[in-house]
């Protein structure tokens, strides 16, 4: 499905943020599916009547089954500066997740050391540092309970692959639909109930606060939580 005006969450001369649908890939992979960055390039070419391929840099990524805010840079200068913002952890990322099991604590901090198997695309958590591991930390709090499901707000302090998915699963709360990390069944749509809700940072050029917000997907599990 092509990117349209309604998918644009933020845009100026330097950056563009898009609502990523669950199932979209951000960059080209072995599947051959059209990635989101190419869709955004086409959108910009049509919008500004510039058929030649424009620059578009990928600032960060979201897993394929995850929805929400994804940010791209429209200039190489903006990409370089945003890469520094993310590297220096000067960005606040907020996610919402729906889980079936109630967390033992209403809020807390999780720290693990993660090892990724690139062949299987699976991450294994450890409670202490091991060879090849990366430290992962997040904070969470329970926002609501509806119909036996729990809505959790997550603020990752690090940006490791599959971090939120594996860390919530490790505390006994696999994300709804995420059968890779412990949920009993997957979604028919290939999505999981993990949504990049908000992205906050200081604009790399204008030096003004930027707060980008993504509405929840139109989906049976998410709709009950939209008005919270």
N, C-alpha and C. Protein backbone atom coordinates (compact mmCIF):
# COMPACT_ATOMS: atom_id res chain seq x y z
N UNK A 1 0.85 -1.19 0.00
CA UNK A 1 0.00 0.00 0.00
C UNK A 1 0.89 1.25 0.00
N UNK A 2 0.74 2.14 -0.98
CA UNK A 2 1.62 3.30 -1.07
C UNK A 2 1.42 4.29 0.07
N UNK A 3 2.46 5.06 0.35
CA UNK A 3 2.39 6.11 1.36
C UNK A 3 1.58 7.28 0.81
N UNK A 4 0.66 7.80 1.64
CA UNK A 4 -0.17 8.95 1.26
C UNK A 4 -0.05 10.04 2.32
N UNK A 5 -0.70 11.17 2.07
CA UNK A 5 -0.64 12.30 3.01
C UNK A 5 -1.06 11.90 4.42
N UNK A 6 -2.05 11.02 4.54
CA UNK A 6 -2.56 10.65 5.86
C UNK A 6 -1.55 9.85 6.67
N UNK A 7 -0.53 9.30 6.00
CA UNK A 7 0.50 8.52 6.70
C UNK A 7 1.61 9.40 7.26
N UNK A 8 1.64 10.67 6.87
CA UNK A 8 2.73 11.56 7.26
C UNK A 8 2.44 12.15 8.64
N UNK A 9 3.33 11.92 9.57
CA UNK A 9 3.17 12.40 10.94
C UNK A 9 3.91 13.71 11.19
N UNK A 10 4.96 13.94 10.42
CA UNK A 10 5.77 15.16 10.57
C UNK A 10 6.60 15.32 9.30
N UNK A 11 6.73 16.56 8.83
CA UNK A 11 7.62 16.81 7.70
C UNK A 11 8.08 18.26 7.70
N UNK A 12 9.36 18.45 7.45
CA UNK A 12 9.90 19.77 7.14
C UNK A 12 10.99 19.58 6.08
N UNK A 13 11.84 20.56 5.90
CA UNK A 13 12.87 20.46 4.86
C UNK A 13 13.96 19.44 5.18
N UNK A 14 14.00 19.00 6.43
CA UNK A 14 15.11 18.15 6.88
C UNK A 14 14.69 16.72 7.20
N UNK A 15 13.48 16.55 7.72
CA UNK A 15 13.04 15.25 8.23
C UNK A 15 11.62 14.94 7.76
N UNK A 16 11.31 13.66 7.73
CA UNK A 16 9.94 13.23 7.49
C UNK A 16 9.67 11.99 8.34
N UNK A 17 8.57 12.02 9.07
CA UNK A 17 8.17 10.89 9.91
C UNK A 17 6.88 10.30 9.36
N UNK A 18 6.82 8.98 9.33
CA UNK A 18 5.72 8.27 8.69
C UNK A 18 5.13 7.27 9.67
N UNK A 19 3.83 7.02 9.51
CA UNK A 19 3.16 5.97 10.27
C UNK A 19 3.45 4.63 9.59
N UNK A 20 4.27 3.82 10.21
CA UNK A 20 4.59 2.50 9.67
C UNK A 20 3.48 1.51 10.03
N UNK A 21 3.00 0.80 9.04
CA UNK A 21 2.02 -0.26 9.29
C UNK A 21 2.74 -1.54 9.68
N UNK A 22 2.13 -2.31 10.56
CA UNK A 22 2.67 -3.64 10.86
C UNK A 22 2.71 -4.44 9.57
N UNK A 23 3.83 -5.09 9.32
CA UNK A 23 4.00 -5.85 8.09
C UNK A 23 4.90 -5.18 7.08
N UNK A 24 5.08 -3.84 7.20
CA UNK A 24 6.00 -3.13 6.32
C UNK A 24 7.44 -3.40 6.75
N UNK A 25 8.34 -3.49 5.77
CA UNK A 25 9.77 -3.50 6.08
C UNK A 25 10.30 -2.09 5.85
N UNK A 26 11.28 -1.69 6.66
CA UNK A 26 11.81 -0.33 6.56
C UNK A 26 12.80 -0.21 5.42
N UNK A 27 13.66 -1.21 5.28
CA UNK A 27 14.66 -1.23 4.21
C UNK A 27 14.58 -2.56 3.47
N UNK A 28 15.18 -2.61 2.29
CA UNK A 28 15.12 -3.80 1.46
C UNK A 28 15.72 -5.00 2.20
N UNK A 29 15.10 -6.16 2.04
CA UNK A 29 15.63 -7.39 2.62
C UNK A 29 15.47 -8.52 1.62
N UNK A 30 15.68 -9.75 2.10
CA UNK A 30 15.67 -10.90 1.19
C UNK A 30 14.28 -11.26 0.68
N UNK A 31 13.23 -10.68 1.26
CA UNK A 31 11.87 -11.02 0.83
C UNK A 31 11.54 -10.45 -0.55
N UNK A 32 12.19 -9.36 -0.90
CA UNK A 32 11.88 -8.71 -2.17
C UNK A 32 10.68 -7.78 -2.10
N UNK A 33 10.05 -7.66 -0.92
CA UNK A 33 8.92 -6.75 -0.76
C UNK A 33 9.41 -5.30 -0.84
N UNK A 34 8.54 -4.41 -1.32
CA UNK A 34 8.93 -3.01 -1.42
C UNK A 34 9.08 -2.40 -0.03
N UNK A 35 10.25 -1.87 0.30
CA UNK A 35 10.46 -1.32 1.63
C UNK A 35 9.83 0.07 1.79
N UNK A 36 9.66 0.46 3.03
CA UNK A 36 9.02 1.74 3.33
C UNK A 36 9.85 2.92 2.84
N UNK A 37 11.17 2.82 2.90
CA UNK A 37 11.97 3.96 2.44
C UNK A 37 11.76 4.22 0.95
N UNK A 38 11.56 3.18 0.16
CA UNK A 38 11.28 3.37 -1.27
C UNK A 38 9.88 3.97 -1.47
N UNK A 39 8.93 3.56 -0.65
CA UNK A 39 7.58 4.12 -0.74
C UNK A 39 7.59 5.61 -0.42
N UNK A 40 8.39 5.99 0.59
CA UNK A 40 8.47 7.41 0.96
C UNK A 40 9.16 8.21 -0.14
N UNK A 41 10.18 7.64 -0.76
CA UNK A 41 10.84 8.32 -1.88
C UNK A 41 9.84 8.61 -3.01
N UNK A 42 9.00 7.63 -3.32
CA UNK A 42 8.00 7.81 -4.37
C UNK A 42 6.99 8.89 -3.97
N UNK A 43 6.60 8.88 -2.70
CA UNK A 43 5.66 9.89 -2.20
C UNK A 43 6.24 11.29 -2.38
N UNK A 44 7.50 11.47 -1.99
CA UNK A 44 8.14 12.78 -2.10
C UNK A 44 8.32 13.20 -3.55
N UNK A 45 8.65 12.25 -4.42
CA UNK A 45 8.83 12.56 -5.84
C UNK A 45 7.54 13.08 -6.46
N UNK A 46 6.42 12.46 -6.08
CA UNK A 46 5.12 12.90 -6.61
C UNK A 46 4.70 14.23 -5.99
N UNK A 47 4.87 14.35 -4.68
CA UNK A 47 4.43 15.55 -3.97
C UNK A 47 5.15 16.80 -4.47
N UNK A 48 6.45 16.67 -4.71
CA UNK A 48 7.24 17.85 -5.10
C UNK A 48 7.59 17.84 -6.59
N UNK A 49 6.96 16.93 -7.32
CA UNK A 49 7.16 16.85 -8.78
C UNK A 49 8.64 16.76 -9.13
N UNK A 50 9.33 15.87 -8.43
CA UNK A 50 10.76 15.64 -8.68
C UNK A 50 10.96 14.16 -8.99
N UNK A 51 10.85 13.79 -10.25
CA UNK A 51 10.92 12.37 -10.61
C UNK A 51 12.26 11.72 -10.32
N UNK A 52 13.33 12.50 -10.29
CA UNK A 52 14.64 11.92 -9.98
C UNK A 52 14.68 11.51 -8.51
N UNK A 53 15.36 10.42 -8.26
CA UNK A 53 15.40 9.86 -6.91
C UNK A 53 15.99 10.85 -5.92
N UNK A 54 15.23 11.20 -4.90
CA UNK A 54 15.68 12.13 -3.87
C UNK A 54 16.44 11.38 -2.79
N UNK A 55 17.25 12.13 -2.03
CA UNK A 55 17.96 11.52 -0.91
C UNK A 55 16.96 11.21 0.21
N UNK A 56 17.09 10.04 0.78
CA UNK A 56 16.29 9.68 1.95
C UNK A 56 17.11 8.73 2.81
N UNK A 57 17.43 9.17 4.01
CA UNK A 57 18.25 8.36 4.91
C UNK A 57 17.41 7.73 6.01
N UNK A 58 17.69 6.48 6.31
CA UNK A 58 16.99 5.76 7.37
C UNK A 58 17.65 6.10 8.71
N UNK A 59 16.90 6.74 9.59
CA UNK A 59 17.43 7.17 10.89
C UNK A 59 17.41 6.04 11.90
N UNK A 60 16.34 5.25 11.91
CA UNK A 60 16.22 4.13 12.84
C UNK A 60 15.29 3.11 12.20
N UNK A 61 15.06 1.99 12.87
CA UNK A 61 14.26 0.92 12.29
C UNK A 61 13.23 0.41 13.28
N UNK A 62 12.21 -0.23 12.75
CA UNK A 62 11.24 -0.97 13.54
C UNK A 62 11.13 -2.37 12.94
N UNK A 63 10.94 -3.37 13.80
CA UNK A 63 10.75 -4.73 13.30
C UNK A 63 9.52 -4.80 12.40
N UNK A 64 9.54 -5.74 11.48
CA UNK A 64 8.45 -5.85 10.51
C UNK A 64 7.07 -5.94 11.15
N UNK A 65 6.85 -6.73 12.21
CA UNK A 65 5.49 -6.84 12.77
C UNK A 65 5.07 -5.68 13.67
N UNK A 66 5.92 -4.67 13.81
CA UNK A 66 5.67 -3.53 14.71
C UNK A 66 5.14 -2.35 13.90
N UNK A 67 4.23 -1.58 14.50
CA UNK A 67 3.69 -0.38 13.86
C UNK A 67 4.18 0.87 14.59
N UNK A 68 3.92 2.05 13.98
CA UNK A 68 4.19 3.30 14.68
C UNK A 68 5.12 4.25 13.97
N UNK A 69 5.67 5.19 14.73
CA UNK A 69 6.50 6.28 14.19
C UNK A 69 7.81 5.74 13.64
N UNK A 70 8.11 6.10 12.40
CA UNK A 70 9.42 5.82 11.82
C UNK A 70 9.92 7.11 11.18
N UNK A 71 11.18 7.43 11.41
CA UNK A 71 11.74 8.73 11.01
C UNK A 71 12.80 8.55 9.92
N UNK A 72 12.72 9.42 8.91
CA UNK A 72 13.71 9.45 7.83
C UNK A 72 14.30 10.85 7.73
N UNK A 73 15.53 10.92 7.21
CA UNK A 73 16.18 12.21 6.96
C UNK A 73 16.12 12.54 5.47
N UNK A 74 15.82 13.79 5.15
CA UNK A 74 15.68 14.21 3.75
C UNK A 74 16.98 14.80 3.20
N UNK A 75 17.97 14.99 4.07
CA UNK A 75 19.27 15.47 3.62
C UNK A 75 20.36 14.68 4.33
N UNK A 76 21.54 14.63 3.72
CA UNK A 76 22.66 13.91 4.35
C UNK A 76 23.09 14.60 5.65
N UNK A 77 22.96 15.92 5.69
CA UNK A 77 23.31 16.66 6.90
C UNK A 77 22.38 16.28 8.05
N UNK A 78 21.09 16.22 7.77
CA UNK A 78 20.12 15.84 8.80
C UNK A 78 20.34 14.41 9.25
N UNK A 79 20.68 13.52 8.32
CA UNK A 79 20.93 12.12 8.68
C UNK A 79 22.13 12.01 9.62
N UNK A 80 23.19 12.71 9.29
CA UNK A 80 24.39 12.68 10.12
C UNK A 80 24.08 13.17 11.54
N UNK A 81 23.33 14.24 11.63
CA UNK A 81 23.02 14.81 12.95
C UNK A 81 22.05 13.92 13.72
N UNK A 82 21.06 13.34 13.04
CA UNK A 82 20.12 12.46 13.73
C UNK A 82 20.80 11.16 14.16
N UNK A 83 21.75 10.68 13.38
CA UNK A 83 22.51 9.51 13.80
C UNK A 83 23.22 9.78 15.12
N UNK A 84 23.75 10.99 15.26
CA UNK A 84 24.42 11.38 16.50
C UNK A 84 23.43 11.48 17.65
N UNK A 85 22.24 12.01 17.37
CA UNK A 85 21.19 12.12 18.39
C UNK A 85 20.84 10.74 18.94
N UNK A 86 20.65 9.77 18.06
CA UNK A 86 20.31 8.42 18.50
C UNK A 86 21.49 7.75 19.19
N UNK A 87 22.68 7.92 18.66
CA UNK A 87 23.86 7.30 19.26
C UNK A 87 24.09 7.82 20.67
N UNK A 88 23.86 9.11 20.88
CA UNK A 88 24.08 9.73 22.19
C UNK A 88 22.87 9.61 23.11
N UNK A 89 21.84 8.89 22.64
CA UNK A 89 20.61 8.66 23.41
C UNK A 89 19.94 9.97 23.82
N UNK A 90 19.92 10.90 22.88
CA UNK A 90 19.27 12.19 23.10
C UNK A 90 17.87 12.19 22.51
N UNK A 91 17.28 11.03 22.40
CA UNK A 91 15.93 10.87 21.87
C UNK A 91 15.13 10.04 22.87
N UNK A 92 13.88 10.39 23.05
CA UNK A 92 13.00 9.63 23.94
C UNK A 92 12.01 8.85 23.07
N UNK A 93 12.07 7.53 23.16
CA UNK A 93 11.18 6.66 22.40
C UNK A 93 10.18 6.03 23.36
N UNK A 94 8.91 6.12 23.03
CA UNK A 94 7.85 5.55 23.86
C UNK A 94 7.04 4.56 23.03
N UNK A 95 6.89 3.36 23.57
CA UNK A 95 6.13 2.31 22.90
C UNK A 95 4.95 1.90 23.77
N UNK A 96 3.90 1.43 23.11
CA UNK A 96 2.80 0.76 23.80
C UNK A 96 2.78 -0.70 23.38
N UNK A 97 2.57 -1.56 24.36
CA UNK A 97 2.49 -3.00 24.09
C UNK A 97 1.28 -3.57 24.81
N UNK A 98 0.64 -4.55 24.20
CA UNK A 98 -0.46 -5.27 24.84
C UNK A 98 0.01 -6.68 25.16
N UNK A 99 -0.17 -7.08 26.42
CA UNK A 99 0.23 -8.41 26.86
C UNK A 99 -0.96 -9.09 27.54
N UNK A 100 -0.89 -10.40 27.62
CA UNK A 100 -1.98 -11.16 28.23
C UNK A 100 -1.76 -11.34 29.73
N UNK A 101 -0.53 -11.52 30.13
CA UNK A 101 -0.22 -11.78 31.54
C UNK A 101 0.03 -10.47 32.29
N UNK A 102 -0.45 -10.41 33.51
CA UNK A 102 -0.24 -9.23 34.33
C UNK A 102 1.19 -9.20 34.88
N UNK A 103 1.91 -8.10 34.68
CA UNK A 103 3.26 -8.01 35.26
C UNK A 103 3.22 -8.11 36.78
N UNK A 104 4.26 -8.68 37.35
CA UNK A 104 4.32 -8.83 38.81
C UNK A 104 4.34 -7.47 39.51
N UNK A 105 4.94 -6.48 38.87
CA UNK A 105 4.98 -5.12 39.40
C UNK A 105 4.33 -4.16 38.41
N UNK A 106 3.66 -3.14 38.92
CA UNK A 106 2.98 -2.17 38.07
C UNK A 106 3.95 -1.35 37.23
N UNK A 107 5.18 -1.21 37.71
CA UNK A 107 6.20 -0.48 36.97
C UNK A 107 7.56 -1.00 37.39
N UNK A 108 8.55 -0.74 36.56
CA UNK A 108 9.88 -1.22 36.91
C UNK A 108 10.88 -0.98 35.79
N UNK A 109 12.08 -1.46 36.02
CA UNK A 109 13.18 -1.37 35.05
C UNK A 109 13.72 -2.77 34.80
N UNK A 110 13.95 -3.09 33.54
CA UNK A 110 14.49 -4.39 33.16
C UNK A 110 15.87 -4.20 32.53
N UNK A 111 16.82 -5.01 32.97
CA UNK A 111 18.17 -4.99 32.41
C UNK A 111 18.57 -6.41 32.05
N UNK A 112 18.95 -6.62 30.80
CA UNK A 112 19.43 -7.92 30.33
C UNK A 112 20.61 -7.71 29.39
N UNK A 113 21.30 -8.80 29.12
CA UNK A 113 22.34 -8.81 28.09
C UNK A 113 21.85 -9.71 26.97
N UNK A 114 21.77 -9.16 25.78
CA UNK A 114 21.14 -9.85 24.66
C UNK A 114 22.17 -10.34 23.65
N UNK A 115 21.95 -11.55 23.16
CA UNK A 115 22.79 -12.12 22.11
C UNK A 115 21.89 -12.46 20.93
N UNK A 116 22.23 -11.95 19.75
CA UNK A 116 21.40 -12.20 18.57
C UNK A 116 22.01 -13.28 17.69
N UNK A 117 21.16 -14.20 17.25
CA UNK A 117 21.53 -15.20 16.25
C UNK A 117 21.06 -14.69 14.90
N UNK A 118 21.95 -14.15 14.07
CA UNK A 118 21.52 -13.55 12.81
C UNK A 118 20.95 -14.56 11.83
N UNK A 119 21.39 -15.80 11.91
CA UNK A 119 20.86 -16.82 11.00
C UNK A 119 19.39 -17.11 11.29
N UNK A 120 19.04 -17.19 12.57
CA UNK A 120 17.66 -17.48 12.96
C UNK A 120 16.84 -16.22 13.24
N UNK A 121 17.53 -15.06 13.28
CA UNK A 121 16.88 -13.78 13.60
C UNK A 121 16.13 -13.87 14.94
N UNK A 122 16.81 -14.41 15.93
CA UNK A 122 16.26 -14.56 17.27
C UNK A 122 17.27 -14.04 18.28
N UNK A 123 16.76 -13.37 19.31
CA UNK A 123 17.61 -12.82 20.37
C UNK A 123 17.41 -13.62 21.65
N UNK A 124 18.52 -13.94 22.31
CA UNK A 124 18.48 -14.69 23.57
C UNK A 124 18.91 -13.76 24.71
N UNK A 125 18.11 -13.68 25.79
CA UNK A 125 18.46 -12.81 26.91
C UNK A 125 19.29 -13.54 27.97
N UNK A 126 20.14 -12.79 28.64
CA UNK A 126 20.93 -13.32 29.75
C UNK A 126 20.86 -12.32 30.90
N UNK A 127 20.98 -12.84 32.12
CA UNK A 127 20.91 -11.98 33.30
C UNK A 127 22.25 -11.34 33.65
N UNK A 128 23.30 -11.76 32.97
CA UNK A 128 24.61 -11.16 33.17
C UNK A 128 25.34 -11.12 31.83
N UNK A 129 26.40 -10.36 31.79
CA UNK A 129 27.14 -10.21 30.54
C UNK A 129 27.79 -11.52 30.12
N UNK A 130 27.64 -11.86 28.85
CA UNK A 130 28.27 -13.04 28.28
C UNK A 130 28.97 -12.63 26.98
N UNK A 131 29.75 -13.53 26.43
CA UNK A 131 30.48 -13.23 25.19
C UNK A 131 29.50 -12.88 24.07
N UNK A 132 29.76 -11.76 23.43
CA UNK A 132 28.94 -11.35 22.30
C UNK A 132 27.63 -10.67 22.66
N UNK A 133 27.42 -10.39 23.94
CA UNK A 133 26.14 -9.80 24.37
C UNK A 133 26.19 -8.28 24.36
N UNK A 134 25.00 -7.67 24.30
CA UNK A 134 24.84 -6.23 24.40
C UNK A 134 23.88 -5.92 25.54
N UNK A 135 24.24 -4.93 26.34
CA UNK A 135 23.38 -4.55 27.45
C UNK A 135 22.11 -3.89 26.94
N UNK A 136 20.96 -4.29 27.51
CA UNK A 136 19.66 -3.74 27.12
C UNK A 136 18.92 -3.30 28.38
N UNK A 137 18.37 -2.10 28.35
CA UNK A 137 17.64 -1.58 29.51
C UNK A 137 16.38 -0.87 29.04
N UNK A 138 15.30 -1.10 29.77
CA UNK A 138 14.05 -0.39 29.51
C UNK A 138 13.31 -0.18 30.82
N UNK A 139 12.45 0.82 30.83
CA UNK A 139 11.52 1.02 31.94
C UNK A 139 10.11 0.82 31.42
N UNK A 140 9.21 0.40 32.30
CA UNK A 140 7.84 0.13 31.86
C UNK A 140 6.87 0.50 32.97
N UNK A 141 5.61 0.69 32.58
CA UNK A 141 4.54 0.86 33.56
C UNK A 141 3.24 0.39 32.94
N UNK A 142 2.39 -0.20 33.76
CA UNK A 142 1.09 -0.66 33.30
C UNK A 142 0.14 0.53 33.24
N UNK A 143 -0.48 0.74 32.08
CA UNK A 143 -1.41 1.85 31.90
C UNK A 143 -2.85 1.46 32.15
N UNK A 144 -3.23 0.25 31.76
CA UNK A 144 -4.64 -0.14 31.85
C UNK A 144 -4.79 -1.65 31.72
N UNK A 145 -5.96 -2.12 32.16
CA UNK A 145 -6.36 -3.52 31.95
C UNK A 145 -7.76 -3.51 31.38
N UNK A 146 -7.94 -4.19 30.27
CA UNK A 146 -9.25 -4.28 29.64
C UNK A 146 -9.44 -5.69 29.09
N UNK A 147 -10.50 -6.34 29.52
CA UNK A 147 -10.84 -7.65 28.98
C UNK A 147 -9.78 -8.70 29.18
N UNK A 148 -9.04 -8.60 30.26
CA UNK A 148 -8.01 -9.59 30.53
C UNK A 148 -6.69 -9.33 29.82
N UNK A 149 -6.56 -8.18 29.16
CA UNK A 149 -5.31 -7.81 28.51
C UNK A 149 -4.76 -6.55 29.17
N UNK A 150 -3.45 -6.43 29.18
CA UNK A 150 -2.79 -5.32 29.87
C UNK A 150 -2.03 -4.45 28.88
N UNK A 151 -2.26 -3.14 28.99
CA UNK A 151 -1.55 -2.18 28.16
C UNK A 151 -0.36 -1.66 28.94
N UNK A 152 0.82 -1.81 28.35
CA UNK A 152 2.06 -1.41 29.00
C UNK A 152 2.75 -0.32 28.19
N UNK A 153 3.18 0.73 28.87
CA UNK A 153 4.00 1.76 28.23
C UNK A 153 5.46 1.44 28.49
N UNK A 154 6.26 1.46 27.44
CA UNK A 154 7.66 1.08 27.53
C UNK A 154 8.55 2.21 27.03
N UNK A 155 9.58 2.52 27.80
CA UNK A 155 10.58 3.50 27.40
C UNK A 155 11.94 2.80 27.33
N UNK A 156 12.37 2.39 26.15
CA UNK A 156 13.68 1.74 26.05
C UNK A 156 14.81 2.75 26.20
N UNK A 157 15.77 2.43 27.03
CA UNK A 157 16.92 3.31 27.23
C UNK A 157 18.06 2.93 26.29
N UNK A 158 17.97 1.75 25.71
CA UNK A 158 18.91 1.31 24.68
C UNK A 158 18.09 0.89 23.46
N UNK A 159 18.75 0.69 22.34
CA UNK A 159 18.03 0.38 21.11
C UNK A 159 18.48 -0.93 20.49
N UNK A 160 18.37 -2.02 21.23
CA UNK A 160 18.82 -3.32 20.74
C UNK A 160 17.75 -4.01 19.90
N UNK A 161 18.20 -4.87 19.02
CA UNK A 161 17.30 -5.63 18.16
C UNK A 161 16.36 -6.49 19.00
N UNK A 162 15.06 -6.39 18.73
CA UNK A 162 14.01 -7.19 19.40
C UNK A 162 13.97 -6.94 20.91
N UNK A 163 14.57 -5.84 21.36
CA UNK A 163 14.75 -5.63 22.80
C UNK A 163 13.45 -5.69 23.60
N UNK A 164 12.46 -4.89 23.22
CA UNK A 164 11.22 -4.84 23.99
C UNK A 164 10.53 -6.20 23.97
N UNK A 165 10.52 -6.83 22.82
CA UNK A 165 9.84 -8.12 22.66
C UNK A 165 10.43 -9.17 23.59
N UNK A 166 11.75 -9.28 23.60
CA UNK A 166 12.38 -10.33 24.39
C UNK A 166 12.41 -9.99 25.88
N UNK A 167 12.55 -8.71 26.22
CA UNK A 167 12.59 -8.36 27.64
C UNK A 167 11.23 -8.50 28.31
N UNK A 168 10.15 -8.10 27.63
CA UNK A 168 8.82 -8.31 28.21
C UNK A 168 8.52 -9.80 28.33
N UNK A 169 8.91 -10.57 27.34
CA UNK A 169 8.70 -12.01 27.40
C UNK A 169 9.45 -12.63 28.57
N UNK A 170 10.67 -12.14 28.81
CA UNK A 170 11.49 -12.69 29.88
C UNK A 170 10.88 -12.45 31.25
N UNK A 171 10.09 -11.38 31.41
CA UNK A 171 9.42 -11.16 32.69
C UNK A 171 8.05 -11.82 32.73
N UNK A 172 7.79 -12.70 31.77
CA UNK A 172 6.55 -13.48 31.78
C UNK A 172 5.39 -12.83 31.08
N UNK A 173 5.67 -11.81 30.26
CA UNK A 173 4.61 -11.05 29.59
C UNK A 173 4.87 -10.94 28.09
N UNK A 174 4.80 -12.05 27.35
CA UNK A 174 5.00 -11.95 25.90
C UNK A 174 3.94 -11.07 25.26
N UNK A 175 4.33 -10.35 24.22
CA UNK A 175 3.42 -9.45 23.53
C UNK A 175 2.41 -10.24 22.71
N UNK A 176 1.17 -9.80 22.72
CA UNK A 176 0.10 -10.47 21.98
C UNK A 176 0.50 -10.61 20.51
N UNK A 177 0.43 -11.83 20.01
CA UNK A 177 0.75 -12.12 18.62
C UNK A 177 2.19 -12.48 18.35
N UNK A 178 3.07 -12.30 19.35
CA UNK A 178 4.51 -12.50 19.13
C UNK A 178 4.91 -13.93 19.48
N UNK A 179 4.59 -14.86 18.59
CA UNK A 179 4.90 -16.26 18.88
C UNK A 179 6.39 -16.56 18.78
N UNK A 180 7.18 -15.64 18.25
CA UNK A 180 8.63 -15.82 18.26
C UNK A 180 9.18 -15.73 19.68
N UNK A 181 8.51 -14.96 20.52
CA UNK A 181 8.98 -14.75 21.89
C UNK A 181 7.91 -15.12 22.92
N UNK A 182 7.28 -16.25 22.73
CA UNK A 182 6.51 -16.83 23.81
C UNK A 182 5.01 -16.73 23.78
N UNK A 183 4.44 -15.90 22.88
CA UNK A 183 2.97 -15.87 22.83
C UNK A 183 2.49 -17.13 22.12
N UNK A 184 1.42 -17.76 22.62
CA UNK A 184 1.03 -19.09 22.10
C UNK A 184 0.65 -19.14 20.64
N UNK A 185 0.21 -18.04 20.07
CA UNK A 185 -0.18 -18.07 18.65
C UNK A 185 0.14 -16.73 18.00
N UNK A 186 0.42 -16.79 16.71
CA UNK A 186 0.71 -15.59 15.96
C UNK A 186 -0.54 -14.97 15.37
N UNK A 187 -0.39 -13.76 14.86
CA UNK A 187 -1.49 -13.06 14.21
C UNK A 187 -1.60 -13.50 12.76
N UNK A 188 -2.83 -13.57 12.26
CA UNK A 188 -3.02 -13.90 10.85
C UNK A 188 -2.42 -12.84 9.94
N UNK A 189 -2.33 -11.62 10.45
CA UNK A 189 -1.77 -10.52 9.65
C UNK A 189 -0.25 -10.42 9.79
N UNK A 190 0.32 -11.26 10.65
CA UNK A 190 1.76 -11.18 10.87
C UNK A 190 2.18 -10.02 11.74
N UNK A 191 1.23 -9.41 12.44
CA UNK A 191 1.52 -8.26 13.29
C UNK A 191 1.60 -8.69 14.75
N UNK A 192 2.23 -7.87 15.56
CA UNK A 192 2.20 -8.05 17.01
C UNK A 192 1.72 -6.75 17.64
N UNK A 193 1.26 -6.83 18.87
CA UNK A 193 0.70 -5.64 19.54
C UNK A 193 1.80 -4.83 20.21
N UNK A 194 2.70 -4.32 19.38
CA UNK A 194 3.75 -3.41 19.82
C UNK A 194 3.74 -2.22 18.87
N UNK A 195 3.62 -1.03 19.44
CA UNK A 195 3.41 0.18 18.65
C UNK A 195 4.34 1.29 19.12
N UNK A 196 5.10 1.86 18.18
CA UNK A 196 5.96 3.00 18.49
C UNK A 196 5.08 4.24 18.59
N UNK A 197 4.73 4.60 19.80
CA UNK A 197 3.70 5.62 20.06
C UNK A 197 4.21 7.04 19.90
N UNK A 198 5.44 7.30 20.35
CA UNK A 198 5.91 8.69 20.38
C UNK A 198 7.44 8.74 20.21
N UNK A 199 7.89 9.81 19.56
CA UNK A 199 9.32 10.06 19.37
C UNK A 199 9.56 11.52 19.71
N UNK A 200 10.48 11.78 20.64
CA UNK A 200 10.76 13.15 21.09
C UNK A 200 12.26 13.42 21.03
N UNK A 201 12.62 14.57 20.47
CA UNK A 201 14.04 14.92 20.35
C UNK A 201 14.15 16.41 20.02
N UNK A 202 15.36 16.92 20.10
CA UNK A 202 15.64 18.30 19.71
C UNK A 202 16.00 18.29 18.23
N UNK A 203 15.31 19.13 17.47
CA UNK A 203 15.53 19.15 16.02
C UNK A 203 17.01 19.40 15.72
N UNK A 204 17.61 18.59 14.84
CA UNK A 204 19.06 18.68 14.62
C UNK A 204 19.51 19.96 13.94
N UNK A 205 18.62 20.66 13.28
CA UNK A 205 18.97 21.90 12.58
C UNK A 205 18.34 23.12 13.26
N UNK A 206 17.04 23.04 13.52
CA UNK A 206 16.32 24.17 14.10
C UNK A 206 16.53 24.31 15.61
N UNK A 207 16.98 23.23 16.24
CA UNK A 207 17.21 23.21 17.69
C UNK A 207 15.93 23.51 18.47
N UNK A 208 14.82 23.02 17.94
CA UNK A 208 13.52 23.15 18.61
C UNK A 208 13.02 21.76 19.02
N UNK A 209 12.24 21.66 20.11
CA UNK A 209 11.71 20.36 20.51
C UNK A 209 10.76 19.79 19.45
N UNK A 210 10.91 18.53 19.15
CA UNK A 210 10.03 17.83 18.21
C UNK A 210 9.35 16.69 18.97
N UNK A 211 8.03 16.62 18.84
CA UNK A 211 7.24 15.59 19.52
C UNK A 211 6.32 14.95 18.48
N UNK A 212 6.65 13.75 18.05
CA UNK A 212 5.90 13.07 16.99
C UNK A 212 5.08 11.94 17.61
N UNK A 213 3.79 11.94 17.29
CA UNK A 213 2.84 11.04 17.94
C UNK A 213 2.11 10.22 16.88
N UNK A 214 1.98 8.92 17.11
CA UNK A 214 1.28 8.05 16.16
C UNK A 214 0.05 7.44 16.80
N UNK A 215 -1.11 7.63 16.17
CA UNK A 215 -2.33 6.99 16.64
C UNK A 215 -2.19 5.47 16.57
N UNK A 216 -3.01 4.79 17.34
CA UNK A 216 -2.97 3.33 17.34
C UNK A 216 -3.55 2.77 16.04
N UNK A 217 -3.09 1.61 15.62
CA UNK A 217 -3.64 0.99 14.41
C UNK A 217 -5.13 0.69 14.56
N UNK A 218 -5.83 0.68 13.43
CA UNK A 218 -7.24 0.29 13.43
C UNK A 218 -7.28 -1.24 13.47
N UNK A 219 -7.39 -1.76 14.67
CA UNK A 219 -7.29 -3.20 14.87
C UNK A 219 -8.08 -3.56 16.12
N UNK A 220 -8.62 -4.75 16.14
CA UNK A 220 -9.47 -5.15 17.26
C UNK A 220 -8.83 -5.04 18.61
N UNK A 221 -7.56 -5.43 18.73
CA UNK A 221 -6.89 -5.37 20.02
C UNK A 221 -6.59 -3.93 20.44
N UNK A 222 -6.26 -3.09 19.47
CA UNK A 222 -5.83 -1.74 19.80
C UNK A 222 -6.99 -0.78 20.05
N UNK A 223 -8.10 -0.96 19.36
CA UNK A 223 -9.18 0.02 19.41
C UNK A 223 -9.71 0.26 20.82
N UNK A 224 -9.71 -0.79 21.63
CA UNK A 224 -10.23 -0.64 23.00
C UNK A 224 -9.36 0.26 23.86
N UNK A 225 -8.10 0.47 23.44
CA UNK A 225 -7.18 1.28 24.24
C UNK A 225 -6.99 2.69 23.68
N UNK A 226 -7.62 3.02 22.54
CA UNK A 226 -7.31 4.27 21.84
C UNK A 226 -7.62 5.51 22.67
N UNK A 227 -8.66 5.48 23.49
CA UNK A 227 -9.09 6.67 24.21
C UNK A 227 -8.43 6.84 25.58
N UNK A 228 -7.45 6.03 25.88
CA UNK A 228 -6.79 6.14 27.18
C UNK A 228 -5.81 7.31 27.19
